[in-house]
């Protein structure tokens, strides 16, 4: 059996079918474009749900990790912050000390994440792409911008939460690690 795909070029489908039925050896003419479009639509709905679930889980995990890291960072810097406050730094200046380090680390993390994410995305698409399919592997500027924005927002919320610990330091706790 041989299958022939035909582009009707805008002509009526009935005309194409009648022309093909006149050819020797043609047994059946089927227009399955609608069926294929419906199947692809179902696939896209499922794929979109899977992507949204994975993105949601990634955002939750990133938020928890960032909060944990910021809380540990503030706890590790507790002695330094107490010394700064004893030397006359205000609570706001002590927070600025932590804020500066966090912003620099967040910027480095976002830059490295974009580079690694781009490489990993292209590698994964290339690994699953078959010779009969052509998947989109170009960078999406809106997706990159959204990733940077969400990363910055998560880092900002985690930092704000961690910085809430600083005013609660007891300056007499300088001997405690």
Protein backbone atom coordinates (compact mmCIF):
# COMPACT_ATOMS: atom_id res chain seq x y z
CA UNK A 1 0.00 0.00 0.00
CA UNK A 2 1.20 3.47 -0.83
CA UNK A 3 0.04 6.62 0.89
CA UNK A 4 0.11 9.88 -1.02
CA UNK A 5 -0.25 13.22 0.73
CA UNK A 6 -1.76 15.88 -1.47
CA UNK A 7 -1.94 19.64 -1.01
CA UNK A 8 -5.15 20.73 -2.71
CA UNK A 9 -3.78 24.22 -3.32
CA UNK A 10 -7.06 25.80 -2.31
CA UNK A 11 -9.18 23.71 -4.68
CA UNK A 12 -12.36 21.99 -3.54
CA UNK A 13 -11.64 18.70 -1.73
CA UNK A 14 -14.36 16.91 -3.70
CA UNK A 15 -12.63 17.90 -6.95
CA UNK A 16 -9.30 16.54 -5.69
CA UNK A 17 -10.93 13.27 -4.57
CA UNK A 18 -12.69 12.77 -7.94
CA UNK A 19 -9.43 13.47 -9.80
CA UNK A 20 -7.48 10.96 -7.68
CA UNK A 21 -10.16 8.26 -7.97
CA UNK A 22 -9.70 8.41 -11.73
CA UNK A 23 -6.06 7.33 -11.35
CA UNK A 24 -5.34 3.59 -11.76
CA UNK A 25 -4.44 1.90 -8.46
CA UNK A 26 -6.02 4.50 -6.15
CA UNK A 27 -8.40 2.67 -3.85
CA UNK A 28 -9.35 5.14 -1.10
CA UNK A 29 -9.21 8.91 -0.72
CA UNK A 30 -9.39 10.16 2.87
CA UNK A 31 -9.23 13.69 4.20
CA UNK A 32 -7.82 13.25 7.71
CA UNK A 33 -6.65 16.82 8.26
CA UNK A 34 -9.39 17.48 10.84
CA UNK A 35 -8.59 14.27 12.73
CA UNK A 36 -4.88 15.13 12.86
CA UNK A 37 -5.61 18.68 14.03
CA UNK A 38 -7.88 17.36 16.80
CA UNK A 39 -5.24 14.86 17.94
CA UNK A 40 -2.60 17.58 17.98
CA UNK A 41 -4.94 19.87 19.94
CA UNK A 42 -5.47 17.14 22.57
CA UNK A 43 -1.72 16.60 22.79
CA UNK A 44 -1.08 20.33 23.23
CA UNK A 45 -3.64 20.57 26.06
CA UNK A 46 -1.94 17.73 27.94
CA UNK A 47 1.53 19.13 27.20
CA UNK A 48 0.50 22.59 28.49
CA UNK A 49 -0.84 21.08 31.73
CA UNK A 50 2.38 19.10 32.25
CA UNK A 51 4.50 22.20 31.61
CA UNK A 52 2.41 24.28 34.04
CA UNK A 53 2.71 21.62 36.76
CA UNK A 54 6.50 21.42 36.30
CA UNK A 55 6.84 25.21 36.27
CA UNK A 56 4.74 25.51 39.44
CA UNK A 57 6.86 22.89 41.20
CA UNK A 58 10.04 24.63 40.03
CA UNK A 59 8.84 27.99 41.40
CA UNK A 60 7.95 26.44 44.76
CA UNK A 61 11.29 24.64 44.96
CA UNK A 62 13.22 27.77 43.97
CA UNK A 63 11.38 29.82 46.58
CA UNK A 64 12.11 27.31 49.34
CA UNK A 65 15.77 26.99 48.33
CA UNK A 66 16.25 30.78 48.13
CA UNK A 67 14.58 31.31 51.49
CA UNK A 68 16.69 28.60 53.08
CA UNK A 69 19.89 30.04 51.63
CA UNK A 70 19.08 33.59 52.72
CA UNK A 71 18.14 32.46 56.23
CA UNK A 72 21.40 30.50 56.50
CA UNK A 73 23.36 33.47 55.12
CA UNK A 74 21.90 35.84 57.72
CA UNK A 75 22.50 33.28 60.49
CA UNK A 76 26.12 32.77 59.39
CA UNK A 77 26.69 36.53 59.26
CA UNK A 78 25.07 37.09 62.67
CA UNK A 79 28.35 37.71 64.49
CA UNK A 80 29.57 40.13 61.80
CA UNK A 81 26.25 41.99 61.85
CA UNK A 82 26.33 42.30 65.66
CA UNK A 83 29.88 43.70 65.47
CA UNK A 84 28.74 46.22 62.84
CA UNK A 85 25.80 47.25 65.01
CA UNK A 86 28.07 47.60 68.08
CA UNK A 87 30.36 49.83 66.00
CA UNK A 88 27.46 52.17 65.28
CA UNK A 89 25.82 50.76 62.16
CA UNK A 90 22.07 51.13 62.12
CA UNK A 91 19.77 48.18 61.46
CA UNK A 92 19.18 49.56 57.95
CA UNK A 93 22.93 49.73 57.26
CA UNK A 94 23.36 46.15 58.49
CA UNK A 95 20.52 45.05 56.22
CA UNK A 96 22.18 46.89 53.34
CA UNK A 97 25.33 44.83 53.92
CA UNK A 98 23.35 41.60 53.45
CA UNK A 99 21.20 43.06 50.66
CA UNK A 100 24.24 43.96 48.55
CA UNK A 101 25.68 40.44 48.76
CA UNK A 102 22.32 38.87 47.98
CA UNK A 103 21.74 41.07 44.91
CA UNK A 104 25.16 40.21 43.49
CA UNK A 105 24.65 36.49 44.10
CA UNK A 106 21.14 36.64 42.60
CA UNK A 107 22.44 38.37 39.46
CA UNK A 108 25.17 35.74 39.08
CA UNK A 109 22.64 32.97 39.66
CA UNK A 110 20.23 34.35 37.05
CA UNK A 111 23.02 34.74 34.47
CA UNK A 112 24.31 31.21 35.06
CA UNK A 113 20.74 29.86 35.09
CA UNK A 114 19.97 31.46 31.73
CA UNK A 115 23.13 30.04 30.18
CA UNK A 116 22.64 26.56 31.62
CA UNK A 117 18.90 26.57 30.90
CA UNK A 118 19.46 27.56 27.28
CA UNK A 119 22.06 24.83 26.81
CA UNK A 120 19.98 22.18 28.59
CA UNK A 121 16.83 23.15 26.68
CA UNK A 122 18.52 22.90 23.30
CA UNK A 123 20.20 19.63 24.26
CA UNK A 124 16.92 18.08 25.41
CA UNK A 125 15.05 19.18 22.28
CA UNK A 126 17.84 17.83 20.07
CA UNK A 127 17.79 14.52 21.95
CA UNK A 128 14.04 13.93 21.50
CA UNK A 129 13.67 15.39 18.02
CA UNK A 130 13.16 12.74 15.38
CA UNK A 131 14.10 13.01 11.73
CA UNK A 132 10.41 13.44 10.84
CA UNK A 133 9.76 16.31 13.24
CA UNK A 134 11.10 19.80 13.53
CA UNK A 135 10.77 21.21 17.02
CA UNK A 136 11.20 24.87 17.91
CA UNK A 137 14.66 25.44 19.43
CA UNK A 138 14.94 29.21 19.19
CA UNK A 139 15.18 31.32 22.32
CA UNK A 140 12.01 33.04 23.38
CA UNK A 141 12.73 36.56 24.60
CA UNK A 142 9.41 36.83 26.51
CA UNK A 143 10.12 33.51 28.25
CA UNK A 144 13.63 34.65 29.19
CA UNK A 145 12.31 37.96 30.49
CA UNK A 146 9.61 36.17 32.51
CA UNK A 147 12.23 33.82 33.98
CA UNK A 148 14.43 36.73 35.04
CA UNK A 149 11.46 38.60 36.50
CA UNK A 150 10.15 35.62 38.47
CA UNK A 151 13.67 34.79 39.71
CA UNK A 152 14.20 38.37 40.88
CA UNK A 153 10.81 38.42 42.60
CA UNK A 154 11.44 35.11 44.39
CA UNK A 155 14.90 36.28 45.47
CA UNK A 156 13.46 39.59 46.69
CA UNK A 157 10.72 37.93 48.77
CA UNK A 158 13.20 35.42 50.26
CA UNK A 159 15.65 38.20 51.10
CA UNK A 160 12.92 40.35 52.66
CA UNK A 161 11.85 37.40 54.81
CA UNK A 162 15.42 36.64 55.90
CA UNK A 163 16.21 40.29 56.68
CA UNK A 164 13.36 40.32 59.17
CA UNK A 165 15.69 38.39 61.54
CA UNK A 166 18.26 41.19 61.85
CA UNK A 167 16.36 43.53 64.22
CA UNK A 168 15.80 40.55 66.54
CA UNK A 169 19.52 40.06 67.19
CA UNK A 170 20.54 40.51 70.79
CA UNK A 171 23.82 42.40 70.78
CA UNK A 172 24.93 40.41 73.84
CA UNK A 173 24.90 37.24 71.67
CA UNK A 174 28.26 38.09 70.10
CA UNK A 175 29.92 35.08 71.71
CA UNK A 176 27.36 32.65 70.22
CA UNK A 177 28.07 31.30 66.74
